[in-house]
């Protein structure tokens, strides 16, 4: 299948998926999200692929969030629907039955960080930045960020990142175990492929069972947290602050949020 926003390279049981919207810092518009879901649902049944590497086109951005222009008209109902749709895409990635490696080559913000969180292994280039800046738009992370980020970096740091919206650099991301390796930009994909080849040299039944066992360590089912997140995201979309936040972003000005 041909994709308009993805570049797919499949070779020696490794698939490299490049999100190809560099002029938009690889932000996730509706077409890109649909193509990601389609690919990962299909790759689940591909016997010739055992490891998937996700990266972004260019040297500036992995994925710099969701396309903000697609958020401006949301209300409670459509906001919750959008959140659930985004969650289902990243669920498809996390549960595709293959090992998924995020090779983070720049900005991983908002939906971009949520995409990385859905991957099993995360490595990053030295220039990468990570953040959940949704509160700057008057909303909350809606594609799994409120659920996966605390599970990975701990409640305290996740709460700080979500409530302040402040980004962190690769050094801090490494210290809090958000990523497992920092590399020069030109070595990132090479190292990702080395990890993939190492994994491919192991017993693949054991690899798949290991993924299942690791996921089982989470006490509260992710599905419950995701349902709550979608409802709250939808409620945010019915507020003045959300309309003001997204419009201010588009107009490149500081938002004037209400104080209550």
Protein backbone atom coordinates (compact mmCIF):
# COMPACT_ATOMS: atom_id res chain seq x y z
CA UNK A 1 0.00 0.00 0.00
CA UNK A 2 1.18 3.52 -0.80
CA UNK A 3 1.16 6.10 2.01
CA UNK A 4 1.17 9.87 1.60
CA UNK A 5 2.63 10.73 5.04
CA UNK A 6 4.74 7.66 5.78
CA UNK A 7 7.86 6.21 4.19
CA UNK A 8 8.06 2.47 4.78
CA UNK A 9 11.24 0.43 4.35
CA UNK A 10 11.11 -3.29 5.09
CA UNK A 11 14.31 -5.32 5.03
CA UNK A 12 15.63 -8.39 6.86
CA UNK A 13 12.66 -8.62 9.27
CA UNK A 14 13.02 -4.93 10.22
CA UNK A 15 10.53 -2.28 9.17
CA UNK A 16 11.52 1.40 9.36
CA UNK A 17 8.55 3.76 9.43
CA UNK A 18 9.42 7.41 8.78
CA UNK A 19 6.76 10.03 9.45
CA UNK A 20 7.23 12.28 6.44
CA UNK A 21 5.81 15.77 7.04
CA UNK A 22 9.06 17.70 7.65
CA UNK A 23 7.54 21.03 6.58
CA UNK A 24 5.09 20.61 9.49
CA UNK A 25 7.72 19.19 11.87
CA UNK A 26 6.05 15.80 11.25
CA UNK A 27 2.94 16.79 13.18
CA UNK A 28 0.15 14.21 13.22
CA UNK A 29 -2.76 15.26 11.05
CA UNK A 30 -5.79 13.03 10.49
CA UNK A 31 -4.30 11.42 7.38
CA UNK A 32 -1.03 10.57 9.13
CA UNK A 33 -2.83 9.08 12.14
CA UNK A 34 -5.05 6.98 9.88
CA UNK A 35 -2.05 5.71 7.93
CA UNK A 36 -0.15 4.86 11.11
CA UNK A 37 -3.06 2.81 12.40
CA UNK A 38 -3.51 1.08 9.06
CA UNK A 39 0.15 0.13 8.88
CA UNK A 40 0.40 -1.21 12.41
CA UNK A 41 -2.79 -3.24 12.09
CA UNK A 42 -1.34 -4.75 8.92
CA UNK A 43 2.16 -5.33 10.29
CA UNK A 44 0.64 -7.39 13.10
CA UNK A 45 0.02 -10.20 10.61
CA UNK A 46 3.26 -9.84 8.64
CA UNK A 47 5.41 -12.90 9.26
CA UNK A 48 8.43 -11.28 7.57
CA UNK A 49 8.59 -8.39 10.09
CA UNK A 50 9.54 -8.79 13.77
CA UNK A 51 10.88 -5.34 14.71
CA UNK A 52 9.59 -1.88 13.74
CA UNK A 53 11.60 1.35 14.03
CA UNK A 54 9.66 4.64 14.05
CA UNK A 55 11.39 7.94 13.29
CA UNK A 56 10.67 11.35 11.75
CA UNK A 57 11.86 12.89 8.49
CA UNK A 58 14.63 15.47 8.71
CA UNK A 59 16.84 16.41 11.64
CA UNK A 60 14.55 18.75 13.60
CA UNK A 61 11.58 16.71 14.65
CA UNK A 62 10.44 13.21 15.51
CA UNK A 63 6.81 14.33 15.84
CA UNK A 64 6.05 17.84 17.12
CA UNK A 65 2.53 17.00 18.25
CA UNK A 66 -0.91 16.93 16.71
CA UNK A 67 -1.87 19.32 13.92
CA UNK A 68 -3.34 22.14 16.06
CA UNK A 69 -5.53 23.41 13.24
CA UNK A 70 -7.58 20.20 13.54
CA UNK A 71 -8.38 20.90 17.22
CA UNK A 72 -9.95 24.34 16.99
CA UNK A 73 -13.54 23.25 16.33
CA UNK A 74 -13.73 20.45 18.90
CA UNK A 75 -16.43 20.28 21.58
CA UNK A 76 -16.97 17.79 24.42
CA UNK A 77 -18.36 15.03 22.19
CA UNK A 78 -15.97 15.40 19.27
CA UNK A 79 -13.03 15.95 21.62
CA UNK A 80 -13.64 12.67 23.43
CA UNK A 81 -14.06 10.95 20.08
CA UNK A 82 -10.75 12.35 18.83
CA UNK A 83 -9.02 11.26 22.04
CA UNK A 84 -10.36 7.72 21.75
CA UNK A 85 -9.32 7.54 18.11
CA UNK A 86 -5.79 8.70 18.96
CA UNK A 87 -5.58 6.24 21.83
CA UNK A 88 -6.65 3.40 19.54
CA UNK A 89 -3.85 4.24 17.11
CA UNK A 90 -1.19 4.13 19.79
CA UNK A 91 -2.75 1.00 21.29
CA UNK A 92 -2.36 -0.60 17.85
CA UNK A 93 1.33 0.31 17.94
CA UNK A 94 1.92 -0.92 21.50
CA UNK A 95 0.02 -4.17 20.87
CA UNK A 96 1.08 -4.94 17.31
CA UNK A 97 2.94 -8.07 18.46
CA UNK A 98 6.28 -6.72 17.22
CA UNK A 99 9.03 -4.93 19.11
CA UNK A 100 8.67 -1.21 18.34
CA UNK A 101 11.66 1.13 18.72
CA UNK A 102 11.26 4.90 18.70
CA UNK A 103 14.32 6.59 17.16
CA UNK A 104 13.60 10.12 18.37
CA UNK A 105 15.46 12.50 16.09
CA UNK A 106 14.25 15.87 17.41
CA UNK A 107 11.09 17.33 18.92
CA UNK A 108 8.81 14.77 20.60
CA UNK A 109 6.04 17.00 21.89
CA UNK A 110 2.39 16.39 22.73
CA UNK A 111 1.14 13.59 20.47
CA UNK A 112 4.75 13.00 19.44
CA UNK A 113 5.78 12.13 22.99
CA UNK A 114 2.62 10.03 23.35
CA UNK A 115 3.63 8.15 20.20
CA UNK A 116 7.09 7.52 21.65
CA UNK A 117 5.55 6.35 24.95
CA UNK A 118 3.57 3.71 23.05
CA UNK A 119 6.83 2.24 21.73
CA UNK A 120 8.68 -0.45 23.68
CA UNK A 121 12.18 1.06 23.43
CA UNK A 122 13.07 4.75 23.09
CA UNK A 123 16.43 6.15 22.00
CA UNK A 124 17.13 9.76 21.04
CA UNK A 125 19.51 12.08 19.24
CA UNK A 126 21.36 14.73 21.22
CA UNK A 127 19.09 17.53 19.97
CA UNK A 128 15.81 15.88 20.98
CA UNK A 129 13.27 17.65 23.21
CA UNK A 130 10.39 16.01 25.08
CA UNK A 131 7.21 17.52 26.47
CA UNK A 132 3.46 17.41 27.04
CA UNK A 133 2.56 21.07 26.38
CA UNK A 134 -1.21 20.52 26.06
CA UNK A 135 -2.06 22.73 29.07
CA UNK A 136 -0.77 25.66 27.00
CA UNK A 137 -3.76 25.01 24.72
CA UNK A 138 -6.25 24.59 27.56
CA UNK A 139 -6.46 20.81 27.17
CA UNK A 140 -4.79 17.70 28.60
CA UNK A 141 -2.80 14.99 26.84
CA UNK A 142 -5.42 12.89 25.08
CA UNK A 143 -3.56 10.08 23.31
CA UNK A 144 -2.36 8.23 26.40
CA UNK A 145 0.09 10.72 27.90
CA UNK A 146 -1.59 10.97 31.31
CA UNK A 147 -1.46 7.18 31.61
CA UNK A 148 1.79 6.02 30.01
CA UNK A 149 4.09 8.85 31.13
CA UNK A 150 3.56 8.25 34.91
CA UNK A 151 4.08 4.53 34.38
CA UNK A 152 7.41 5.16 32.67
CA UNK A 153 8.97 8.10 34.56
CA UNK A 154 6.99 8.04 37.82
CA UNK A 155 4.08 10.09 39.13
CA UNK A 156 6.06 13.10 40.38
CA UNK A 157 8.04 13.87 37.24
CA UNK A 158 5.10 13.08 34.95
CA UNK A 159 2.89 15.42 36.95
CA UNK A 160 5.46 18.22 36.67
CA UNK A 161 5.81 17.74 32.92
CA UNK A 162 2.04 17.62 32.31
CA UNK A 163 1.07 20.51 34.61
CA UNK A 164 3.84 22.92 33.54
CA UNK A 165 3.98 21.91 29.90
CA UNK A 166 7.74 22.54 30.05
CA UNK A 167 9.95 20.47 27.75
CA UNK A 168 13.02 18.55 28.87
CA UNK A 169 16.24 17.78 27.02
CA UNK A 170 17.85 14.40 26.33
CA UNK A 171 20.04 14.46 29.43
CA UNK A 172 17.05 14.82 31.72
CA UNK A 173 15.04 12.34 29.66
CA UNK A 174 17.82 9.80 30.14
CA UNK A 175 18.03 10.45 33.89
CA UNK A 176 14.30 9.77 34.37
CA UNK A 177 14.39 6.64 32.18
CA UNK A 178 12.23 8.14 29.45
CA UNK A 179 14.90 7.11 26.96
CA UNK A 180 17.60 4.44 27.19
CA UNK A 181 20.32 5.95 24.99
CA UNK A 182 21.54 9.33 23.69
CA UNK A 183 23.31 9.38 20.33
CA UNK A 184 24.64 11.80 17.74
CA UNK A 185 22.01 12.44 15.05
CA UNK A 186 23.96 10.56 12.38
CA UNK A 187 24.26 7.43 14.54
CA UNK A 188 20.65 7.19 15.71
CA UNK A 189 19.19 4.89 13.06
CA UNK A 190 22.35 2.80 12.94
CA UNK A 191 22.04 2.10 16.66
CA UNK A 192 18.30 1.43 16.34
CA UNK A 193 19.08 -1.20 13.73
CA UNK A 194 21.76 -2.70 15.98
CA UNK A 195 19.16 -3.10 18.75
CA UNK A 196 16.76 -4.62 16.23
CA UNK A 197 19.34 -7.09 14.94
CA UNK A 198 20.23 -8.07 18.51
CA UNK A 199 16.57 -8.76 19.27
CA UNK A 200 16.17 -10.72 16.03
CA UNK A 201 19.02 -13.02 17.09
CA UNK A 202 16.98 -14.20 20.09
CA UNK A 203 14.13 -16.70 20.31
CA UNK A 204 11.13 -14.82 18.95
CA UNK A 205 8.60 -16.71 21.05
CA UNK A 206 10.55 -15.61 24.13
CA UNK A 207 10.63 -12.03 22.84
CA UNK A 208 6.85 -11.93 22.39
CA UNK A 209 6.22 -13.56 25.78
CA UNK A 210 8.61 -11.07 27.39
CA UNK A 211 6.57 -8.19 25.98
CA UNK A 212 3.39 -9.75 27.39
CA UNK A 213 4.97 -10.27 30.82
CA UNK A 214 6.37 -6.73 30.98
CA UNK A 215 2.97 -5.26 30.15
CA UNK A 216 1.38 -7.37 32.89
CA UNK A 217 3.43 -5.54 35.54
CA UNK A 218 1.02 -2.59 35.43
CA UNK A 219 -1.51 -3.02 38.24
CA UNK A 220 -4.40 -0.93 36.90
CA UNK A 221 -5.49 -1.84 33.39
CA UNK A 222 -4.39 0.81 30.94
CA UNK A 223 -7.81 0.64 29.29
CA UNK A 224 -9.48 2.12 32.40
CA UNK A 225 -7.06 5.04 32.57
CA UNK A 226 -7.40 5.68 28.84
CA UNK A 227 -11.20 5.79 29.10
CA UNK A 228 -10.96 8.38 31.88
CA UNK A 229 -8.42 10.40 29.92
CA UNK A 230 -10.67 10.52 26.83
CA UNK A 231 -13.65 11.75 28.85
CA UNK A 232 -11.60 14.51 30.50
CA UNK A 233 -10.01 15.50 27.19
CA UNK A 234 -13.49 15.86 25.71
CA UNK A 235 -14.60 18.03 28.64
CA UNK A 236 -11.60 20.32 28.08
CA UNK A 237 -12.63 20.70 24.44
CA UNK A 238 -15.92 22.28 25.56
CA UNK A 239 -14.17 25.13 27.38
CA UNK A 240 -13.30 28.72 26.52
CA UNK A 241 -9.67 28.00 27.45
CA UNK A 242 -9.34 25.32 24.78
CA UNK A 243 -10.76 27.60 22.07
CA UNK A 244 -8.53 30.46 23.25
CA UNK A 245 -5.43 28.27 23.58
CA UNK A 246 -5.64 26.75 20.11
CA UNK A 247 -6.52 30.07 18.47
CA UNK A 248 -3.63 31.81 20.22
CA UNK A 249 -1.26 29.12 18.98
CA UNK A 250 -2.43 29.59 15.40
CA UNK A 251 -2.19 33.38 15.73
CA UNK A 252 1.26 33.09 17.37
CA UNK A 253 0.30 35.05 20.48
CA UNK A 254 0.11 34.41 24.23
CA UNK A 255 -3.25 32.89 25.26
CA UNK A 256 -5.54 34.80 27.63
CA UNK A 257 -6.97 31.98 29.74
CA UNK A 258 -9.81 32.46 32.20
CA UNK A 259 -8.81 32.33 35.86
CA UNK A 260 -11.55 30.00 37.14
